[in-house]
Amino acid sequence: MYKNENDKRRYTIAVIGDARVVPGSEKDIFAESVGKMLADEGHRVLTGGMGGVMEAAHRGARSSTNWRDGTCIGLLPGSNPASANPYVDVVIPTGLDHVRNMVVAQSDAVVAIGGGAGTLTEMAFAWIHRRLIIGANCDGWSKRLAGQRIDNRVRYPDVPEDKVYEADSADIVVALLSRWLPFYNGYHKSIK
């Protein structure tokens, strides 16, 4: 299990993507696997708290033997806590609608699975704020941006391969987090 260098807090990984997916579909299975593996590794799973990829990620996290209360965080776009999916432990109704995407993007890392315009905004905000971004190779913005840079800005001069990292499986997501999260998180710790 990877923890941050001070071992004082668990990393918070945002899982973003389609708000509606077919149960048992590729995206549903991918998101559930990612959620479970994130919890297995000791991370918190943050989503927009609604259905689809978000619900699948929380369902997966809840199925982990390493799950504990507080692992699944939902930042709701609306003001009604009852609209959260049933797997969310910590419900935060923001009343911000899509503006809450900026808050989601402030996670330690962002894992995109498919997604439409809302997912695109979260990925763009994460890019602007120099977060680690992993794009699942499945239909939607995650696949369209996986393996490339969102724009030409140089976020890290000493990391020429900085981009939206591409993942074909939950195992690859976890491997990328293990490889890159200490670096990206170290950068953010150095900002005052």
N, C-alpha and C. Protein backbone atom coordinates (compact mmCIF):
# COMPACT_ATOMS: atom_id res chain seq x y z
N MET A 1 0.85 -1.17 0.00
CA MET A 1 0.00 0.00 0.00
C MET A 1 0.89 1.23 0.00
N TYR A 2 0.66 2.15 -0.94
CA TYR A 2 1.46 3.37 -1.02
C TYR A 2 0.80 4.48 -0.23
N LYS A 3 1.56 5.13 0.60
CA LYS A 3 1.07 6.31 1.32
C LYS A 3 2.03 7.45 1.01
N ASN A 4 1.60 8.67 1.33
CA ASN A 4 2.48 9.80 1.05
C ASN A 4 3.68 9.77 1.98
N GLU A 5 4.67 10.60 1.69
CA GLU A 5 5.94 10.51 2.39
C GLU A 5 5.84 10.74 3.89
N ASN A 6 4.89 11.52 4.34
CA ASN A 6 4.73 11.76 5.77
C ASN A 6 3.81 10.75 6.43
N ASP A 7 3.14 9.92 5.65
CA ASP A 7 2.26 8.87 6.14
C ASP A 7 1.18 9.42 7.07
N LYS A 8 0.79 10.71 6.88
CA LYS A 8 -0.20 11.31 7.75
C LYS A 8 -1.60 11.34 7.14
N ARG A 9 -1.70 11.30 5.83
CA ARG A 9 -3.02 11.32 5.21
C ARG A 9 -3.01 10.44 3.98
N ARG A 10 -4.19 9.98 3.67
CA ARG A 10 -4.34 9.17 2.46
C ARG A 10 -4.51 10.11 1.27
N TYR A 11 -4.01 9.71 0.13
CA TYR A 11 -4.23 10.49 -1.08
C TYR A 11 -5.70 10.43 -1.48
N THR A 12 -6.17 11.50 -2.07
CA THR A 12 -7.53 11.57 -2.59
C THR A 12 -7.45 11.55 -4.10
N ILE A 13 -8.01 10.52 -4.71
CA ILE A 13 -7.98 10.35 -6.16
C ILE A 13 -9.39 10.56 -6.70
N ALA A 14 -9.54 11.51 -7.61
CA ALA A 14 -10.84 11.76 -8.24
C ALA A 14 -11.04 10.78 -9.38
N VAL A 15 -12.22 10.20 -9.45
CA VAL A 15 -12.61 9.36 -10.58
C VAL A 15 -13.78 10.09 -11.25
N ILE A 16 -13.57 10.44 -12.51
CA ILE A 16 -14.55 11.24 -13.24
C ILE A 16 -14.97 10.49 -14.51
N GLY A 17 -16.12 10.85 -15.05
CA GLY A 17 -16.57 10.21 -16.28
C GLY A 17 -18.07 10.30 -16.45
N ASP A 18 -18.58 9.45 -17.30
CA ASP A 18 -20.00 9.47 -17.66
C ASP A 18 -20.91 9.35 -16.44
N ALA A 19 -21.93 10.22 -16.39
CA ALA A 19 -22.91 10.18 -15.30
C ALA A 19 -23.91 9.04 -15.48
N ARG A 20 -23.97 8.49 -16.68
CA ARG A 20 -24.85 7.36 -16.95
C ARG A 20 -24.08 6.32 -17.75
N VAL A 21 -24.06 5.12 -17.21
CA VAL A 21 -23.45 3.99 -17.93
C VAL A 21 -24.37 2.79 -17.78
N VAL A 22 -24.27 1.89 -18.72
CA VAL A 22 -25.05 0.65 -18.68
C VAL A 22 -24.39 -0.29 -17.67
N PRO A 23 -25.16 -0.81 -16.71
CA PRO A 23 -24.56 -1.78 -15.77
C PRO A 23 -23.91 -2.94 -16.53
N GLY A 24 -22.71 -3.28 -16.10
CA GLY A 24 -21.97 -4.36 -16.75
C GLY A 24 -21.22 -3.95 -18.01
N SER A 25 -21.32 -2.68 -18.40
CA SER A 25 -20.61 -2.19 -19.58
C SER A 25 -19.13 -2.02 -19.28
N GLU A 26 -18.36 -1.79 -20.32
CA GLU A 26 -16.91 -1.60 -20.18
C GLU A 26 -16.59 -0.50 -19.17
N LYS A 27 -17.26 0.64 -19.29
CA LYS A 27 -16.98 1.76 -18.38
C LYS A 27 -17.38 1.44 -16.95
N ASP A 28 -18.52 0.78 -16.77
CA ASP A 28 -18.99 0.39 -15.44
C ASP A 28 -17.98 -0.54 -14.78
N ILE A 29 -17.52 -1.53 -15.50
CA ILE A 29 -16.56 -2.50 -14.97
C ILE A 29 -15.21 -1.83 -14.70
N PHE A 30 -14.77 -0.98 -15.62
CA PHE A 30 -13.49 -0.29 -15.45
C PHE A 30 -13.53 0.59 -14.20
N ALA A 31 -14.60 1.38 -14.05
CA ALA A 31 -14.71 2.29 -12.90
C ALA A 31 -14.78 1.52 -11.59
N GLU A 32 -15.53 0.42 -11.57
CA GLU A 32 -15.62 -0.38 -10.35
C GLU A 32 -14.26 -0.97 -9.99
N SER A 33 -13.54 -1.45 -10.99
CA SER A 33 -12.19 -2.01 -10.75
C SER A 33 -11.23 -0.94 -10.23
N VAL A 34 -11.29 0.25 -10.84
CA VAL A 34 -10.43 1.34 -10.39
C VAL A 34 -10.76 1.71 -8.94
N GLY A 35 -12.04 1.87 -8.63
CA GLY A 35 -12.43 2.22 -7.26
C GLY A 35 -11.93 1.20 -6.25
N LYS A 36 -12.10 -0.08 -6.57
CA LYS A 36 -11.64 -1.14 -5.65
C LYS A 36 -10.13 -1.08 -5.46
N MET A 37 -9.41 -0.95 -6.57
CA MET A 37 -7.94 -0.95 -6.46
C MET A 37 -7.43 0.30 -5.74
N LEU A 38 -8.11 1.44 -5.94
CA LEU A 38 -7.70 2.65 -5.21
C LEU A 38 -7.86 2.44 -3.71
N ALA A 39 -9.01 1.89 -3.30
CA ALA A 39 -9.22 1.62 -1.88
C ALA A 39 -8.24 0.56 -1.37
N ASP A 40 -7.97 -0.47 -2.20
CA ASP A 40 -6.99 -1.49 -1.82
C ASP A 40 -5.63 -0.86 -1.51
N GLU A 41 -5.30 0.20 -2.26
CA GLU A 41 -4.01 0.88 -2.09
C GLU A 41 -4.03 1.91 -0.96
N GLY A 42 -5.19 2.08 -0.33
CA GLY A 42 -5.28 3.01 0.80
C GLY A 42 -5.69 4.42 0.43
N HIS A 43 -6.11 4.64 -0.81
CA HIS A 43 -6.51 5.98 -1.24
C HIS A 43 -7.98 6.24 -0.94
N ARG A 44 -8.34 7.51 -0.88
CA ARG A 44 -9.74 7.93 -0.85
C ARG A 44 -10.20 8.07 -2.29
N VAL A 45 -11.49 7.85 -2.54
CA VAL A 45 -12.06 7.96 -3.89
C VAL A 45 -13.05 9.11 -3.86
N LEU A 46 -12.76 10.16 -4.63
CA LEU A 46 -13.62 11.33 -4.71
C LEU A 46 -14.28 11.37 -6.08
N THR A 47 -15.58 11.60 -6.11
CA THR A 47 -16.30 11.76 -7.37
C THR A 47 -17.30 12.89 -7.22
N GLY A 48 -18.07 13.12 -8.28
CA GLY A 48 -19.17 14.07 -8.22
C GLY A 48 -20.37 13.50 -7.48
N GLY A 49 -20.26 12.28 -6.98
CA GLY A 49 -21.25 11.70 -6.09
C GLY A 49 -22.52 11.18 -6.71
N MET A 50 -22.64 11.27 -8.03
CA MET A 50 -23.88 10.87 -8.68
C MET A 50 -23.77 9.44 -9.21
N GLY A 51 -24.43 9.14 -10.34
CA GLY A 51 -24.47 7.79 -10.89
C GLY A 51 -23.37 7.50 -11.88
N GLY A 52 -23.56 6.47 -12.67
CA GLY A 52 -22.63 6.11 -13.74
C GLY A 52 -21.26 5.72 -13.24
N VAL A 53 -20.23 6.29 -13.84
CA VAL A 53 -18.84 6.01 -13.47
C VAL A 53 -18.62 6.33 -12.00
N MET A 54 -19.24 7.41 -11.52
CA MET A 54 -19.05 7.83 -10.12
C MET A 54 -19.56 6.76 -9.16
N GLU A 55 -20.77 6.27 -9.42
CA GLU A 55 -21.34 5.23 -8.56
C GLU A 55 -20.53 3.94 -8.65
N ALA A 56 -20.11 3.58 -9.85
CA ALA A 56 -19.32 2.35 -10.02
C ALA A 56 -18.01 2.43 -9.26
N ALA A 57 -17.34 3.59 -9.30
CA ALA A 57 -16.07 3.75 -8.57
C ALA A 57 -16.28 3.61 -7.07
N HIS A 58 -17.35 4.21 -6.55
CA HIS A 58 -17.63 4.07 -5.12
C HIS A 58 -18.05 2.65 -4.76
N ARG A 59 -18.81 2.00 -5.61
CA ARG A 59 -19.21 0.61 -5.39
C ARG A 59 -17.95 -0.26 -5.28
N GLY A 60 -17.01 -0.03 -6.19
CA GLY A 60 -15.76 -0.78 -6.15
C GLY A 60 -14.97 -0.52 -4.88
N ALA A 61 -14.88 0.75 -4.50
CA ALA A 61 -14.14 1.09 -3.27
C ALA A 61 -14.76 0.43 -2.05
N ARG A 62 -16.08 0.41 -2.02
CA ARG A 62 -16.80 -0.21 -0.90
C ARG A 62 -16.57 -1.72 -0.84
N SER A 63 -16.26 -2.34 -1.98
CA SER A 63 -16.04 -3.79 -2.01
C SER A 63 -14.64 -4.18 -1.56
N SER A 64 -13.76 -3.20 -1.39
CA SER A 64 -12.39 -3.48 -0.97
C SER A 64 -12.35 -3.89 0.50
N THR A 65 -11.50 -4.85 0.82
CA THR A 65 -11.31 -5.22 2.23
C THR A 65 -10.60 -4.10 2.99
N ASN A 66 -10.03 -3.14 2.26
CA ASN A 66 -9.35 -2.01 2.88
C ASN A 66 -10.28 -0.80 3.04
N TRP A 67 -11.54 -0.92 2.61
CA TRP A 67 -12.48 0.19 2.75
C TRP A 67 -12.72 0.47 4.22
N ARG A 68 -12.83 1.76 4.53
CA ARG A 68 -13.26 2.19 5.86
C ARG A 68 -14.09 3.45 5.68
N ASP A 69 -14.88 3.76 6.67
CA ASP A 69 -15.75 4.93 6.57
C ASP A 69 -14.92 6.16 6.22
N GLY A 70 -15.37 6.91 5.23
CA GLY A 70 -14.65 8.10 4.79
C GLY A 70 -13.84 7.88 3.53
N THR A 71 -13.81 6.64 3.03
CA THR A 71 -13.06 6.36 1.80
C THR A 71 -13.73 6.96 0.58
N CYS A 72 -15.05 6.98 0.56
CA CYS A 72 -15.81 7.43 -0.62
C CYS A 72 -16.41 8.81 -0.38
N ILE A 73 -15.91 9.79 -1.12
CA ILE A 73 -16.35 11.18 -0.97
C ILE A 73 -17.10 11.60 -2.23
N GLY A 74 -18.26 12.21 -2.04
CA GLY A 74 -19.06 12.70 -3.16
C GLY A 74 -19.29 14.20 -3.07
N LEU A 75 -18.76 14.94 -4.04
CA LEU A 75 -18.99 16.39 -4.14
C LEU A 75 -20.17 16.61 -5.08
N LEU A 76 -21.34 16.75 -4.52
CA LEU A 76 -22.55 16.85 -5.33
C LEU A 76 -22.66 18.21 -6.01
N PRO A 77 -23.21 18.24 -7.22
CA PRO A 77 -23.41 19.53 -7.90
C PRO A 77 -24.56 20.31 -7.28
N GLY A 78 -25.52 19.63 -6.70
CA GLY A 78 -26.70 20.28 -6.14
C GLY A 78 -26.62 20.44 -4.63
N SER A 79 -27.77 20.77 -4.05
CA SER A 79 -27.85 21.04 -2.62
C SER A 79 -28.52 19.93 -1.82
N ASN A 80 -28.99 18.88 -2.49
CA ASN A 80 -29.72 17.82 -1.82
C ASN A 80 -28.81 16.63 -1.54
N PRO A 81 -28.46 16.39 -0.27
CA PRO A 81 -27.58 15.26 0.03
C PRO A 81 -28.18 13.91 -0.34
N ALA A 82 -29.50 13.83 -0.42
CA ALA A 82 -30.16 12.56 -0.76
C ALA A 82 -29.92 12.16 -2.21
N SER A 83 -29.38 13.05 -3.04
CA SER A 83 -29.14 12.71 -4.44
C SER A 83 -27.83 11.96 -4.65
N ALA A 84 -27.05 11.78 -3.59
CA ALA A 84 -25.78 11.03 -3.70
C ALA A 84 -26.06 9.56 -3.96
N ASN A 85 -25.14 8.91 -4.67
CA ASN A 85 -25.30 7.47 -4.87
C ASN A 85 -25.15 6.76 -3.52
N PRO A 86 -25.69 5.56 -3.40
CA PRO A 86 -25.74 4.89 -2.09
C PRO A 86 -24.39 4.43 -1.54
N TYR A 87 -23.32 4.55 -2.31
CA TYR A 87 -22.01 4.08 -1.86
C TYR A 87 -21.13 5.20 -1.31
N VAL A 88 -21.62 6.43 -1.32
CA VAL A 88 -20.84 7.57 -0.83
C VAL A 88 -20.87 7.58 0.69
N ASP A 89 -19.69 7.72 1.31
CA ASP A 89 -19.57 7.81 2.77
C ASP A 89 -19.71 9.26 3.24
N VAL A 90 -19.02 10.15 2.56
CA VAL A 90 -19.02 11.56 2.92
C VAL A 90 -19.69 12.33 1.79
N VAL A 91 -20.86 12.88 2.07
CA VAL A 91 -21.64 13.61 1.07
C VAL A 91 -21.44 15.10 1.31
N ILE A 92 -20.98 15.79 0.26
CA ILE A 92 -20.79 17.24 0.34
C ILE A 92 -21.65 17.89 -0.74
N PRO A 93 -22.83 18.38 -0.38
CA PRO A 93 -23.68 19.06 -1.36
C PRO A 93 -23.15 20.48 -1.56
N THR A 94 -22.68 20.79 -2.75
CA THR A 94 -22.03 22.08 -2.98
C THR A 94 -22.98 23.17 -3.45
N GLY A 95 -24.05 22.81 -4.15
CA GLY A 95 -24.92 23.82 -4.74
C GLY A 95 -24.23 24.61 -5.85
N LEU A 96 -23.12 24.11 -6.35
CA LEU A 96 -22.30 24.83 -7.33
C LEU A 96 -22.54 24.38 -8.77
N ASP A 97 -23.36 23.38 -8.99
CA ASP A 97 -23.59 22.82 -10.31
C ASP A 97 -22.23 22.44 -10.92
N HIS A 98 -21.97 22.82 -12.17
CA HIS A 98 -20.72 22.40 -12.80
C HIS A 98 -19.48 23.13 -12.28
N VAL A 99 -19.67 24.20 -11.54
CA VAL A 99 -18.52 24.90 -10.95
C VAL A 99 -17.79 23.97 -9.97
N ARG A 100 -18.49 23.00 -9.40
CA ARG A 100 -17.85 22.05 -8.49
C ARG A 100 -16.77 21.23 -9.19
N ASN A 101 -16.77 21.23 -10.53
CA ASN A 101 -15.73 20.50 -11.26
C ASN A 101 -14.34 21.03 -10.95
N MET A 102 -14.25 22.33 -10.66
CA MET A 102 -12.96 22.91 -10.28
C MET A 102 -12.47 22.30 -8.97
N VAL A 103 -13.38 22.06 -8.04
CA VAL A 103 -13.00 21.48 -6.75
C VAL A 103 -12.58 20.02 -6.94
N VAL A 104 -13.32 19.28 -7.74
CA VAL A 104 -12.97 17.89 -8.03
C VAL A 104 -11.56 17.82 -8.59
N ALA A 105 -11.21 18.75 -9.46
CA ALA A 105 -9.91 18.75 -10.12
C ALA A 105 -8.75 19.05 -9.17
N GLN A 106 -9.04 19.46 -7.95
CA GLN A 106 -7.99 19.76 -6.98
C GLN A 106 -7.53 18.51 -6.22
N SER A 107 -8.04 17.36 -6.58
CA SER A 107 -7.62 16.11 -5.94
C SER A 107 -6.13 15.87 -6.20
N ASP A 108 -5.57 14.91 -5.49
CA ASP A 108 -4.15 14.60 -5.70
C ASP A 108 -3.88 14.08 -7.10
N ALA A 109 -4.86 13.40 -7.68
CA ALA A 109 -4.77 12.91 -9.06
C ALA A 109 -6.19 12.74 -9.58
N VAL A 110 -6.33 12.70 -10.90
CA VAL A 110 -7.63 12.56 -11.55
C VAL A 110 -7.56 11.39 -12.52
N VAL A 111 -8.54 10.48 -12.40
CA VAL A 111 -8.66 9.35 -13.32
C VAL A 111 -9.95 9.55 -14.10
N ALA A 112 -9.84 9.75 -15.41
CA ALA A 112 -11.00 9.96 -16.27
C ALA A 112 -11.37 8.66 -16.97
N ILE A 113 -12.68 8.35 -16.96
CA ILE A 113 -13.19 7.14 -17.61
C ILE A 113 -14.33 7.57 -18.52
N GLY A 114 -14.02 7.68 -19.82
CA GLY A 114 -15.02 8.15 -20.78
C GLY A 114 -15.30 9.62 -20.57
N GLY A 115 -16.59 9.97 -20.58
CA GLY A 115 -17.00 11.31 -20.21
C GLY A 115 -17.33 12.23 -21.36
N GLY A 116 -18.18 13.19 -21.03
CA GLY A 116 -18.61 14.22 -21.96
C GLY A 116 -18.03 15.57 -21.56
N ALA A 117 -18.82 16.62 -21.77
CA ALA A 117 -18.35 17.99 -21.54
C ALA A 117 -17.95 18.24 -20.09
N GLY A 118 -18.70 17.69 -19.13
CA GLY A 118 -18.35 17.88 -17.72
C GLY A 118 -16.99 17.28 -17.40
N THR A 119 -16.74 16.09 -17.91
CA THR A 119 -15.46 15.42 -17.72
C THR A 119 -14.34 16.22 -18.37
N LEU A 120 -14.62 16.76 -19.54
CA LEU A 120 -13.63 17.58 -20.24
C LEU A 120 -13.23 18.78 -19.39
N THR A 121 -14.21 19.43 -18.75
CA THR A 121 -13.86 20.59 -17.91
C THR A 121 -13.01 20.16 -16.73
N GLU A 122 -13.33 19.02 -16.12
CA GLU A 122 -12.53 18.55 -14.98
C GLU A 122 -11.11 18.24 -15.41
N MET A 123 -10.96 17.61 -16.57
CA MET A 123 -9.61 17.31 -17.07
C MET A 123 -8.86 18.59 -17.37
N ALA A 124 -9.52 19.57 -17.95
CA ALA A 124 -8.87 20.85 -18.27
C ALA A 124 -8.45 21.58 -17.00
N PHE A 125 -9.33 21.61 -16.00
CA PHE A 125 -8.97 22.25 -14.73
C PHE A 125 -7.80 21.52 -14.08
N ALA A 126 -7.81 20.20 -14.10
CA ALA A 126 -6.71 19.43 -13.52
C ALA A 126 -5.40 19.73 -14.26
N TRP A 127 -5.48 19.88 -15.58
CA TRP A 127 -4.29 20.21 -16.37
C TRP A 127 -3.76 21.59 -15.98
N ILE A 128 -4.65 22.56 -15.91
CA ILE A 128 -4.26 23.92 -15.55
C ILE A 128 -3.59 23.96 -14.18
N HIS A 129 -4.12 23.16 -13.25
CA HIS A 129 -3.60 23.15 -11.88
C HIS A 129 -2.52 22.10 -11.66
N ARG A 130 -1.96 21.59 -12.75
CA ARG A 130 -0.79 20.72 -12.72
C ARG A 130 -1.01 19.42 -11.95
N ARG A 131 -2.17 18.86 -12.05
CA ARG A 131 -2.45 17.59 -11.39
C ARG A 131 -2.08 16.43 -12.30
N LEU A 132 -1.82 15.31 -11.69
CA LEU A 132 -1.61 14.06 -12.41
C LEU A 132 -2.96 13.65 -12.99
N ILE A 133 -3.00 13.37 -14.30
CA ILE A 133 -4.24 12.98 -14.96
C ILE A 133 -4.00 11.66 -15.70
N ILE A 134 -4.92 10.72 -15.49
CA ILE A 134 -4.87 9.43 -16.17
C ILE A 134 -6.17 9.28 -16.95
N GLY A 135 -6.06 8.98 -18.23
CA GLY A 135 -7.23 8.81 -19.09
C GLY A 135 -7.41 7.36 -19.49
N ALA A 136 -8.59 6.81 -19.17
CA ALA A 136 -8.90 5.44 -19.57
C ALA A 136 -9.12 5.38 -21.07
N ASN A 137 -8.66 4.33 -21.65
CA ASN A 137 -8.77 4.14 -23.10
C ASN A 137 -10.14 3.56 -23.43
N CYS A 138 -11.20 4.34 -23.11
CA CYS A 138 -12.57 3.95 -23.45
C CYS A 138 -13.32 5.17 -23.95
N ASP A 139 -14.32 4.95 -24.75
CA ASP A 139 -15.02 5.99 -25.48
C ASP A 139 -15.35 7.22 -24.63
N GLY A 140 -15.01 8.39 -25.15
CA GLY A 140 -15.27 9.65 -24.46
C GLY A 140 -14.01 10.50 -24.43
N TRP A 141 -14.05 11.57 -23.63
CA TRP A 141 -12.91 12.49 -23.56
C TRP A 141 -11.66 11.84 -22.99
N SER A 142 -11.81 10.85 -22.12
CA SER A 142 -10.62 10.21 -21.58
C SER A 142 -9.78 9.59 -22.69
N LYS A 143 -10.44 8.92 -23.63
CA LYS A 143 -9.71 8.28 -24.74
C LYS A 143 -9.17 9.33 -25.71
N ARG A 144 -9.96 10.39 -25.95
CA ARG A 144 -9.53 11.41 -26.91
C ARG A 144 -8.28 12.15 -26.44
N LEU A 145 -8.13 12.28 -25.11
CA LEU A 145 -6.98 13.02 -24.57
C LEU A 145 -5.87 12.12 -24.04
N ALA A 146 -6.13 10.84 -23.89
CA ALA A 146 -5.11 9.93 -23.35
C ALA A 146 -3.89 9.88 -24.25
N GLY A 147 -2.74 9.95 -23.63
CA GLY A 147 -1.48 9.86 -24.36
C GLY A 147 -1.00 11.18 -24.94
N GLN A 148 -1.70 12.27 -24.63
CA GLN A 148 -1.25 13.57 -25.17
C GLN A 148 -1.38 14.68 -24.13
N ARG A 149 -0.83 15.81 -24.50
CA ARG A 149 -0.93 17.00 -23.66
C ARG A 149 -2.23 17.73 -24.03
N ILE A 150 -2.86 18.37 -23.06
CA ILE A 150 -4.10 19.11 -23.33
C ILE A 150 -3.81 20.40 -24.08
N ASP A 151 -2.69 21.04 -23.75
CA ASP A 151 -2.25 22.21 -24.51
C ASP A 151 -0.73 22.24 -24.51
N ASN A 152 -0.16 23.30 -25.03
CA ASN A 152 1.30 23.34 -25.20
C ASN A 152 2.08 23.88 -24.01
N ARG A 153 1.39 24.24 -22.95
CA ARG A 153 2.13 24.77 -21.80
C ARG A 153 3.06 23.69 -21.25
N VAL A 154 4.19 24.13 -20.74
CA VAL A 154 5.15 23.23 -20.11
C VAL A 154 4.86 23.27 -18.62
N ARG A 155 4.22 22.23 -18.15
CA ARG A 155 3.85 22.18 -16.73
C ARG A 155 5.04 21.81 -15.85
N TYR A 156 5.89 20.93 -16.34
CA TYR A 156 7.04 20.45 -15.60
C TYR A 156 8.22 20.35 -16.56
N PRO A 157 9.13 21.33 -16.54
CA PRO A 157 10.27 21.29 -17.47
C PRO A 157 11.13 20.03 -17.34
N ASP A 158 11.17 19.45 -16.14
CA ASP A 158 12.00 18.26 -15.94
C ASP A 158 11.24 16.95 -16.21
N VAL A 159 10.01 17.04 -16.72
CA VAL A 159 9.24 15.85 -17.08
C VAL A 159 8.74 16.02 -18.51
N PRO A 160 9.58 15.73 -19.49
CA PRO A 160 9.17 15.92 -20.88
C PRO A 160 8.00 15.03 -21.28
N GLU A 161 7.78 13.92 -20.57
CA GLU A 161 6.66 13.03 -20.91
C GLU A 161 5.36 13.42 -20.21
N ASP A 162 5.33 14.59 -19.53
CA ASP A 162 4.10 15.04 -18.88
C ASP A 162 2.96 15.12 -19.89
N LYS A 163 1.85 14.48 -19.56
CA LYS A 163 0.70 14.38 -20.46
C LYS A 163 -0.46 13.79 -19.69
N VAL A 164 -1.55 13.54 -20.36
CA VAL A 164 -2.62 12.71 -19.81
C VAL A 164 -2.16 11.28 -20.04
N TYR A 165 -1.82 10.59 -18.97
CA TYR A 165 -1.28 9.24 -19.09
C TYR A 165 -2.41 8.28 -19.46
N GLU A 166 -2.11 7.36 -20.34
CA GLU A 166 -3.11 6.43 -20.89
C GLU A 166 -3.13 5.13 -20.09
N ALA A 167 -4.35 4.64 -19.82
CA ALA A 167 -4.49 3.39 -19.08
C ALA A 167 -5.55 2.51 -19.75
N ASP A 168 -5.22 1.24 -19.94
CA ASP A 168 -6.14 0.26 -20.50
C ASP A 168 -6.77 -0.63 -19.43
N SER A 169 -6.32 -0.48 -18.18
CA SER A 169 -6.85 -1.32 -17.11
C SER A 169 -6.64 -0.62 -15.77
N ALA A 170 -7.34 -1.12 -14.74
CA ALA A 170 -7.17 -0.59 -13.39
C ALA A 170 -5.75 -0.83 -12.89
N ASP A 171 -5.15 -1.96 -13.28
CA ASP A 171 -3.76 -2.25 -12.89
C ASP A 171 -2.82 -1.15 -13.39
N ILE A 172 -3.04 -0.70 -14.62
CA ILE A 172 -2.19 0.35 -15.18
C ILE A 172 -2.43 1.66 -14.46
N VAL A 173 -3.69 1.95 -14.11
CA VAL A 173 -3.98 3.16 -13.33
C VAL A 173 -3.16 3.16 -12.05
N VAL A 174 -3.20 2.07 -11.31
CA VAL A 174 -2.48 1.98 -10.04
C VAL A 174 -0.97 2.08 -10.25
N ALA A 175 -0.46 1.44 -11.31
CA ALA A 175 0.98 1.52 -11.60
C ALA A 175 1.38 2.97 -11.92
N LEU A 176 0.57 3.67 -12.70
CA LEU A 176 0.86 5.07 -13.02
C LEU A 176 0.82 5.94 -11.77
N LEU A 177 -0.15 5.70 -10.90
CA LEU A 177 -0.22 6.45 -9.65
C LEU A 177 1.03 6.20 -8.80
N SER A 178 1.43 4.94 -8.70
CA SER A 178 2.63 4.61 -7.91
C SER A 178 3.87 5.29 -8.48
N ARG A 179 3.96 5.33 -9.79
CA ARG A 179 5.12 5.92 -10.47
C ARG A 179 5.14 7.44 -10.35
N TRP A 180 3.99 8.09 -10.59
CA TRP A 180 3.97 9.54 -10.75
C TRP A 180 3.41 10.35 -9.57
N LEU A 181 2.59 9.76 -8.74
CA LEU A 181 1.96 10.54 -7.67
C LEU A 181 2.98 11.17 -6.71
N PRO A 182 4.03 10.49 -6.31
CA PRO A 182 5.01 11.15 -5.43
C PRO A 182 5.61 12.41 -6.07
N PHE A 183 5.88 12.36 -7.37
CA PHE A 183 6.44 13.52 -8.04
C PHE A 183 5.44 14.68 -8.09
N TYR A 184 4.25 14.41 -8.62
CA TYR A 184 3.25 15.47 -8.76
C TYR A 184 2.86 16.03 -7.40
N ASN A 185 2.67 15.15 -6.41
CA ASN A 185 2.31 15.62 -5.08
C ASN A 185 3.45 16.41 -4.46
N GLY A 186 4.69 16.00 -4.71
CA GLY A 186 5.84 16.75 -4.20
C GLY A 186 5.88 18.15 -4.74
N TYR A 187 5.52 18.31 -6.00
CA TYR A 187 5.46 19.65 -6.58
C TYR A 187 4.46 20.51 -5.83
N HIS A 188 3.27 19.99 -5.59
CA HIS A 188 2.21 20.77 -4.94
C HIS A 188 2.54 21.07 -3.49
N LYS A 189 3.30 20.21 -2.84
CA LYS A 189 3.72 20.50 -1.47
C LYS A 189 4.70 21.68 -1.42
N SER A 190 5.45 21.87 -2.51
CA SER A 190 6.46 22.93 -2.52
C SER A 190 5.86 24.31 -2.80
N ILE A 191 4.60 24.35 -3.23
CA ILE A 191 3.94 25.64 -3.52
C ILE A 191 3.39 26.20 -2.22
N LYS A 192 3.68 27.42 -1.98
CA LYS A 192 3.18 28.08 -0.75
C LYS A 192 2.00 28.95 -1.07
